[in-house]
Amino acid sequence: MPHNLNLSYGTRKALAVHVGEVAGNEIATLIQQLAAEIKELKRNKVNVTRVVPAAIEEDENQLAPQLEFEHF
C-alpha cells in the first residue's frame, strides 16, 4: 500500500500538531487504509439486476407506509 495515499504532508502535519504525533499518525494510517479499501471495493463492484417483478415491488411500496403506522 502506498504510504501517503491521498494525504499530503500538510494534512499529516496538521493532524500531528492538533491531536499529537502518535494519534495523528494513527488517524492518517486509518484514513489511508480506508481509502485503499474503498478503492478496492470500487474496483470489484458489480452491477446487481433485480429479479423481483415490478408488480410485486409496487405492492410492497404501497404497503410500506401502512406498516410504518402500525404499532406492535
PDB file of N, CA and C in Angstrom:
ATOM      1  N   MET A   1       0.851  -1.173   0.000  1.00  0.00           N
ATOM      2  CA  MET A   1       0.000   0.000   0.000  1.00  0.00           C
ATOM      3  C   MET A   1       0.895   1.233   0.000  1.00  0.00           C
ATOM      4  N   PRO A   2       0.613   2.208  -0.874  1.00  0.00           N
ATOM      5  CA  PRO A   2       1.406   3.430  -0.873  1.00  0.00           C
ATOM      6  C   PRO A   2       1.297   4.139   0.471  1.00  0.00           C
ATOM      7  N   HIS A   3       2.404   4.676   0.944  1.00  0.00           N
ATOM      8  CA  HIS A   3       2.436   5.255   2.283  1.00  0.00           C
ATOM      9  C   HIS A   3       1.589   6.518   2.410  1.00  0.00           C
ATOM     10  N   ASN A   4       1.569   7.394   1.409  1.00  0.00           N
ATOM     11  CA  ASN A   4       0.831   8.654   1.502  1.00  0.00           C
ATOM     12  C   ASN A   4      -0.361   8.684   0.559  1.00  0.00           C
ATOM     13  N   LEU A   5      -1.156   7.660   0.536  1.00  0.00           N
ATOM     14  CA  LEU A   5      -2.309   7.558  -0.337  1.00  0.00           C
ATOM     15  C   LEU A   5      -3.282   8.707  -0.085  1.00  0.00           C
ATOM     16  N   ASN A   6      -3.275   9.699  -0.956  1.00  0.00           N
ATOM     17  CA  ASN A   6      -4.179  10.846  -0.925  1.00  0.00           C
ATOM     18  C   ASN A   6      -4.015  11.748   0.297  1.00  0.00           C
ATOM     19  N   LEU A   7      -2.973  11.629   1.064  1.00  0.00           N
ATOM     20  CA  LEU A   7      -2.743  12.519   2.199  1.00  0.00           C
ATOM     21  C   LEU A   7      -1.456  13.297   1.964  1.00  0.00           C
ATOM     22  N   SER A   8      -1.587  14.611   1.968  1.00  0.00           N
ATOM     23  CA  SER A   8      -0.406  15.448   1.762  1.00  0.00           C
ATOM     24  C   SER A   8       0.400  15.557   3.056  1.00  0.00           C
ATOM     25  N   TYR A   9       1.601  16.043   2.912  1.00  0.00           N
ATOM     26  CA  TYR A   9       2.444  16.276   4.085  1.00  0.00           C
ATOM     27  C   TYR A   9       1.755  17.263   5.025  1.00  0.00           C
ATOM     28  N   GLY A  10       1.141  18.303   4.456  1.00  0.00           N
ATOM     29  CA  GLY A  10       0.447  19.303   5.272  1.00  0.00           C
ATOM     30  C   GLY A  10      -0.681  18.705   6.099  1.00  0.00           C
ATOM     31  N   THR A  11      -1.408  17.791   5.501  1.00  0.00           N
ATOM     32  CA  THR A  11      -2.504  17.123   6.218  1.00  0.00           C
ATOM     33  C   THR A  11      -1.972  16.290   7.369  1.00  0.00           C
ATOM     34  N   ARG A  12      -0.932  15.520   7.093  1.00  0.00           N
ATOM     35  CA  ARG A  12      -0.331  14.697   8.148  1.00  0.00           C
ATOM     36  C   ARG A  12       0.242  15.578   9.255  1.00  0.00           C
ATOM     37  N   LYS A  13       0.871  16.685   8.882  1.00  0.00           N
ATOM     38  CA  LYS A  13       1.459  17.600   9.860  1.00  0.00           C
ATOM     39  C   LYS A  13       0.362  18.240  10.715  1.00  0.00           C
ATOM     40  N   ALA A  14      -0.742  18.661  10.082  1.00  0.00           N
ATOM     41  CA  ALA A  14      -1.853  19.267  10.822  1.00  0.00           C
ATOM     42  C   ALA A  14      -2.430  18.282  11.832  1.00  0.00           C
ATOM     43  N   LEU A  15      -2.580  17.036  11.436  1.00  0.00           N
ATOM     44  CA  LEU A  15      -3.063  16.022  12.379  1.00  0.00           C
ATOM     45  C   LEU A  15      -2.103  15.877  13.551  1.00  0.00           C
ATOM     46  N   ALA A  16      -0.817  15.827  13.254  1.00  0.00           N
ATOM     47  CA  ALA A  16       0.183  15.671  14.313  1.00  0.00           C
ATOM     48  C   ALA A  16       0.168  16.855  15.265  1.00  0.00           C
ATOM     49  N   VAL A  17      -0.002  18.068  14.737  1.00  0.00           N
ATOM     50  CA  VAL A  17       0.002  19.271  15.575  1.00  0.00           C
ATOM     51  C   VAL A  17      -1.249  19.337  16.443  1.00  0.00           C
ATOM     52  N   HIS A  18      -2.400  19.019  15.875  1.00  0.00           N
ATOM     53  CA  HIS A  18      -3.663  19.213  16.589  1.00  0.00           C
ATOM     54  C   HIS A  18      -4.041  18.078  17.531  1.00  0.00           C
ATOM     55  N   VAL A  19      -3.647  16.855  17.229  1.00  0.00           N
ATOM     56  CA  VAL A  19      -4.030  15.741  18.107  1.00  0.00           C
ATOM     57  C   VAL A  19      -2.822  14.999  18.659  1.00  0.00           C
ATOM     58  N   GLY A  20      -1.653  15.442  18.320  1.00  0.00           N
ATOM     59  CA  GLY A  20      -0.437  14.781  18.789  1.00  0.00           C
ATOM     60  C   GLY A  20       0.133  13.888  17.702  1.00  0.00           C
ATOM     61  N   GLU A  21       1.436  13.674  17.791  1.00  0.00           N
ATOM     62  CA  GLU A  21       2.120  12.938  16.726  1.00  0.00           C
ATOM     63  C   GLU A  21       1.661  11.489  16.626  1.00  0.00           C
ATOM     64  N   VAL A  22       1.570  10.808  17.757  1.00  0.00           N
ATOM     65  CA  VAL A  22       1.182   9.387  17.733  1.00  0.00           C
ATOM     66  C   VAL A  22      -0.255   9.234  17.236  1.00  0.00           C
ATOM     67  N   ALA A  23      -1.180  10.006  17.833  1.00  0.00           N
ATOM     68  CA  ALA A  23      -2.585   9.916  17.423  1.00  0.00           C
ATOM     69  C   ALA A  23      -2.761  10.372  15.978  1.00  0.00           C
ATOM     70  N   GLY A  24      -2.052  11.423  15.591  1.00  0.00           N
ATOM     71  CA  GLY A  24      -2.131  11.907  14.211  1.00  0.00           C
ATOM     72  C   GLY A  24      -1.681  10.858  13.212  1.00  0.00           C
ATOM     73  N   ASN A  25      -0.597  10.160  13.549  1.00  0.00           N
ATOM     74  CA  ASN A  25      -0.118   9.091  12.668  1.00  0.00           C
ATOM     75  C   ASN A  25      -1.110   7.935  12.598  1.00  0.00           C
ATOM     76  N   GLU A  26      -1.733   7.611  13.724  1.00  0.00           N
ATOM     77  CA  GLU A  26      -2.737   6.545  13.728  1.00  0.00           C
ATOM     78  C   GLU A  26      -3.934   6.922  12.866  1.00  0.00           C
ATOM     79  N   ILE A  27      -4.391   8.167  13.000  1.00  0.00           N
ATOM     80  CA  ILE A  27      -5.532   8.636  12.206  1.00  0.00           C
ATOM     81  C   ILE A  27      -5.173   8.641  10.724  1.00  0.00           C
ATOM     82  N   ALA A  28      -3.978   9.144  10.394  1.00  0.00           N
ATOM     83  CA  ALA A  28      -3.544   9.183   8.995  1.00  0.00           C
ATOM     84  C   ALA A  28      -3.458   7.775   8.417  1.00  0.00           C
ATOM     85  N   THR A  29      -2.939   6.842   9.192  1.00  0.00           N
ATOM     86  CA  THR A  29      -2.840   5.453   8.734  1.00  0.00           C
ATOM     87  C   THR A  29      -4.220   4.859   8.516  1.00  0.00           C
ATOM     88  N   LEU A  30      -5.139   5.125   9.447  1.00  0.00           N
ATOM     89  CA  LEU A  30      -6.506   4.628   9.308  1.00  0.00           C
ATOM     90  C   LEU A  30      -7.163   5.201   8.056  1.00  0.00           C
ATOM     91  N   ILE A  31      -6.991   6.495   7.817  1.00  0.00           N
ATOM     92  CA  ILE A  31      -7.551   7.125   6.621  1.00  0.00           C
ATOM     93  C   ILE A  31      -6.978   6.478   5.367  1.00  0.00           C
ATOM     94  N   GLN A  32      -5.688   6.223   5.373  1.00  0.00           N
ATOM     95  CA  GLN A  32      -5.049   5.577   4.220  1.00  0.00           C
ATOM     96  C   GLN A  32      -5.612   4.176   3.992  1.00  0.00           C
ATOM     97  N   GLN A  33      -5.799   3.427   5.067  1.00  0.00           N
ATOM     98  CA  GLN A  33      -6.339   2.073   4.944  1.00  0.00           C
ATOM     99  C   GLN A  33      -7.773   2.104   4.430  1.00  0.00           C
ATOM    100  N   LEU A  34      -8.571   3.049   4.937  1.00  0.00           N
ATOM    101  CA  LEU A  34      -9.953   3.174   4.474  1.00  0.00           C
ATOM    102  C   LEU A  34     -10.002   3.568   3.006  1.00  0.00           C
ATOM    103  N   ALA A  35      -9.128   4.491   2.594  1.00  0.00           N
ATOM    104  CA  ALA A  35      -9.072   4.904   1.191  1.00  0.00           C
ATOM    105  C   ALA A  35      -8.699   3.728   0.297  1.00  0.00           C
ATOM    106  N   ALA A  36      -7.742   2.921   0.733  1.00  0.00           N
ATOM    107  CA  ALA A  36      -7.345   1.745  -0.043  1.00  0.00           C
ATOM    108  C   ALA A  36      -8.488   0.735  -0.124  1.00  0.00           C
ATOM    109  N   GLU A  37      -9.209   0.552   0.978  1.00  0.00           N
ATOM    110  CA  GLU A  37     -10.343  -0.377   0.999  1.00  0.00           C
ATOM    111  C   GLU A  37     -11.446   0.106   0.063  1.00  0.00           C
ATOM    112  N   ILE A  38     -11.745   1.397   0.084  1.00  0.00           N
ATOM    113  CA  ILE A  38     -12.762   1.961  -0.808  1.00  0.00           C
ATOM    114  C   ILE A  38     -12.350   1.770  -2.261  1.00  0.00           C
ATOM    115  N   LYS A  39     -11.080   2.025  -2.547  1.00  0.00           N
ATOM    116  CA  LYS A  39     -10.576   1.846  -3.911  1.00  0.00           C
ATOM    117  C   LYS A  39     -10.750   0.395  -4.353  1.00  0.00           C
ATOM    118  N   GLU A  40     -10.445  -0.540  -3.476  1.00  0.00           N
ATOM    119  CA  GLU A  40     -10.590  -1.966  -3.781  1.00  0.00           C
ATOM    120  C   GLU A  40     -12.058  -2.334  -3.993  1.00  0.00           C
ATOM    121  N   LEU A  41     -12.951  -1.813  -3.149  1.00  0.00           N
ATOM    122  CA  LEU A  41     -14.380  -2.095  -3.297  1.00  0.00           C
ATOM    123  C   LEU A  41     -14.914  -1.542  -4.611  1.00  0.00           C
ATOM    124  N   LYS A  42     -14.487  -0.346  -4.983  1.00  0.00           N
ATOM    125  CA  LYS A  42     -14.919   0.236  -6.257  1.00  0.00           C
ATOM    126  C   LYS A  42     -14.420  -0.595  -7.428  1.00  0.00           C
ATOM    127  N   ARG A  43     -13.207  -1.097  -7.332  1.00  0.00           N
ATOM    128  CA  ARG A  43     -12.636  -1.891  -8.416  1.00  0.00           C
ATOM    129  C   ARG A  43     -13.388  -3.215  -8.573  1.00  0.00           C
ATOM    130  N   ASN A  44     -13.862  -3.780  -7.469  1.00  0.00           N
ATOM    131  CA  ASN A  44     -14.543  -5.077  -7.507  1.00  0.00           C
ATOM    132  C   ASN A  44     -16.058  -4.967  -7.565  1.00  0.00           C
ATOM    133  N   LYS A  45     -16.565  -3.762  -7.715  1.00  0.00           N
ATOM    134  CA  LYS A  45     -18.012  -3.535  -7.725  1.00  0.00           C
ATOM    135  C   LYS A  45     -18.658  -4.248  -8.908  1.00  0.00           C
ATOM    136  N   VAL A  46     -19.807  -4.840  -8.660  1.00  0.00           N
ATOM    137  CA  VAL A  46     -20.568  -5.490  -9.730  1.00  0.00           C
ATOM    138  C   VAL A  46     -21.975  -4.911  -9.747  1.00  0.00           C
ATOM    139  N   ASN A  47     -22.592  -4.928 -10.909  1.00  0.00           N
ATOM    140  CA  ASN A  47     -23.973  -4.478 -11.023  1.00  0.00           C
ATOM    141  C   ASN A  47     -24.900  -5.608 -10.611  1.00  0.00           C
ATOM    142  N   VAL A  48     -25.972  -5.266  -9.916  1.00  0.00           N
ATOM    143  CA  VAL A  48     -26.937  -6.252  -9.451  1.00  0.00           C
ATOM    144  C   VAL A  48     -28.241  -6.028 -10.197  1.00  0.00           C
ATOM    145  N   THR A  49     -28.745  -7.071 -10.809  1.00  0.00           N
ATOM    146  CA  THR A  49     -30.019  -6.988 -11.514  1.00  0.00           C
ATOM    147  C   THR A  49     -31.101  -7.530 -10.598  1.00  0.00           C
ATOM    148  N   ARG A  50     -32.130  -6.726 -10.392  1.00  0.00           N
ATOM    149  CA  ARG A  50     -33.229  -7.166  -9.537  1.00  0.00           C
ATOM    150  C   ARG A  50     -34.049  -8.216 -10.260  1.00  0.00           C
ATOM    151  N   VAL A  51     -34.465  -9.232  -9.549  1.00  0.00           N
ATOM    152  CA  VAL A  51     -35.248 -10.312 -10.140  1.00  0.00           C
ATOM    153  C   VAL A  51     -36.692 -10.290  -9.656  1.00  0.00           C
ATOM    154  N   VAL A  52     -37.062  -9.299  -8.868  1.00  0.00           N
ATOM    155  CA  VAL A  52     -38.425  -9.180  -8.363  1.00  0.00           C
ATOM    156  C   VAL A  52     -39.273  -8.520  -9.447  1.00  0.00           C
ATOM    157  N   PRO A  53     -40.379  -9.128  -9.841  1.00  0.00           N
ATOM    158  CA  PRO A  53     -41.245  -8.495 -10.840  1.00  0.00           C
ATOM    159  C   PRO A  53     -41.735  -7.135 -10.352  1.00  0.00           C
ATOM    160  N   ALA A  54     -41.951  -6.222 -11.275  1.00  0.00           N
ATOM    161  CA  ALA A  54     -42.350  -4.853 -10.939  1.00  0.00           C
ATOM    162  C   ALA A  54     -43.672  -4.816 -10.175  1.00  0.00           C
ATOM    163  N   ALA A  55     -44.625  -5.673 -10.509  1.00  0.00           N
ATOM    164  CA  ALA A  55     -45.928  -5.667  -9.842  1.00  0.00           C
ATOM    165  C   ALA A  55     -45.788  -5.985  -8.361  1.00  0.00           C
ATOM    166  N   ILE A  56     -44.960  -6.939  -8.009  1.00  0.00           N
ATOM    167  CA  ILE A  56     -44.752  -7.288  -6.603  1.00  0.00           C
ATOM    168  C   ILE A  56     -44.068  -6.137  -5.883  1.00  0.00           C
ATOM    169  N   GLU A  57     -43.102  -5.510  -6.543  1.00  0.00           N
ATOM    170  CA  GLU A  57     -42.388  -4.388  -5.938  1.00  0.00           C
ATOM    171  C   GLU A  57     -43.342  -3.233  -5.662  1.00  0.00           C
ATOM    172  N   GLU A  58     -44.280  -2.963  -6.590  1.00  0.00           N
ATOM    173  CA  GLU A  58     -45.244  -1.881  -6.389  1.00  0.00           C
ATOM    174  C   GLU A  58     -46.144  -2.183  -5.199  1.00  0.00           C
ATOM    175  N   ASP A  59     -46.584  -3.438  -5.056  1.00  0.00           N
ATOM    176  CA  ASP A  59     -47.419  -3.822  -3.918  1.00  0.00           C
ATOM    177  C   ASP A  59     -46.683  -3.593  -2.603  1.00  0.00           C
ATOM    178  N   GLU A  60     -45.401  -3.934  -2.563  1.00  0.00           N
ATOM    179  CA  GLU A  60     -44.608  -3.732  -1.351  1.00  0.00           C
ATOM    180  C   GLU A  60     -44.474  -2.251  -1.032  1.00  0.00           C
ATOM    181  N   ASN A  61     -44.294  -1.420  -2.063  1.00  0.00           N
ATOM    182  CA  ASN A  61     -44.171   0.020  -1.843  1.00  0.00           C
ATOM    183  C   ASN A  61     -45.468   0.610  -1.312  1.00  0.00           C
ATOM    184  N   GLN A  62     -46.620   0.062  -1.708  1.00  0.00           N
ATOM    185  CA  GLN A  62     -47.895   0.561  -1.216  1.00  0.00           C
ATOM    186  C   GLN A  62     -48.125   0.139   0.229  1.00  0.00           C
ATOM    187  N   LEU A  63     -47.611  -1.010   0.623  1.00  0.00           N
ATOM    188  CA  LEU A  63     -47.785  -1.494   1.989  1.00  0.00           C
ATOM    189  C   LEU A  63     -46.853  -0.806   2.975  1.00  0.00           C
ATOM    190  N   ALA A  64     -45.724  -0.345   2.518  1.00  0.00           N
ATOM    191  CA  ALA A  64     -44.724   0.231   3.416  1.00  0.00           C
ATOM    192  C   ALA A  64     -45.268   1.378   4.254  1.00  0.00           C
ATOM    193  N   PRO A  65     -45.984   2.371   3.680  1.00  0.00           N
ATOM    194  CA  PRO A  65     -46.494   3.459   4.530  1.00  0.00           C
ATOM    195  C   PRO A  65     -47.484   2.965   5.582  1.00  0.00           C
ATOM    196  N   GLN A  66     -48.283   1.943   5.248  1.00  0.00           N
ATOM    197  CA  GLN A  66     -49.245   1.416   6.206  1.00  0.00           C
ATOM    198  C   GLN A  66     -48.533   0.743   7.374  1.00  0.00           C
ATOM    199  N   LEU A  67     -47.466   0.039   7.096  1.00  0.00           N
ATOM    200  CA  LEU A  67     -46.743  -0.671   8.142  1.00  0.00           C
ATOM    201  C   LEU A  67     -46.035   0.281   9.091  1.00  0.00           C
ATOM    202  N   GLU A  68     -45.671   1.465   8.619  1.00  0.00           N
ATOM    203  CA  GLU A  68     -44.981   2.426   9.473  1.00  0.00           C
ATOM    204  C   GLU A  68     -45.860   2.889  10.628  1.00  0.00           C
ATOM    205  N   PHE A  69     -47.185   2.928  10.418  1.00  0.00           N
ATOM    206  CA  PHE A  69     -48.077   3.466  11.432  1.00  0.00           C
ATOM    207  C   PHE A  69     -48.655   2.404  12.360  1.00  0.00           C
ATOM    208  N   GLU A  70     -48.408   1.153  12.081  1.00  0.00           N
ATOM    209  CA  GLU A  70     -48.891   0.096  12.956  1.00  0.00           C
ATOM    210  C   GLU A  70     -47.946  -0.076  14.126  1.00  0.00           C
ATOM    211  N   HIS A  71     -48.495  -0.263  15.292  1.00  0.00           N
ATOM    212  CA  HIS A  71     -47.688  -0.478  16.489  1.00  0.00           C
ATOM    213  C   HIS A  71     -47.883  -1.909  16.958  1.00  0.00           C
ATOM    214  N   PHE A  72     -46.802  -2.572  17.221  1.00  0.00           N
ATOM    215  CA  PHE A  72     -46.872  -3.961  17.658  1.00  0.00           C
ATOM    216  C   PHE A  72     -46.601  -4.048  19.128  1.00  0.00           C
TER     217      PHE A  72
END
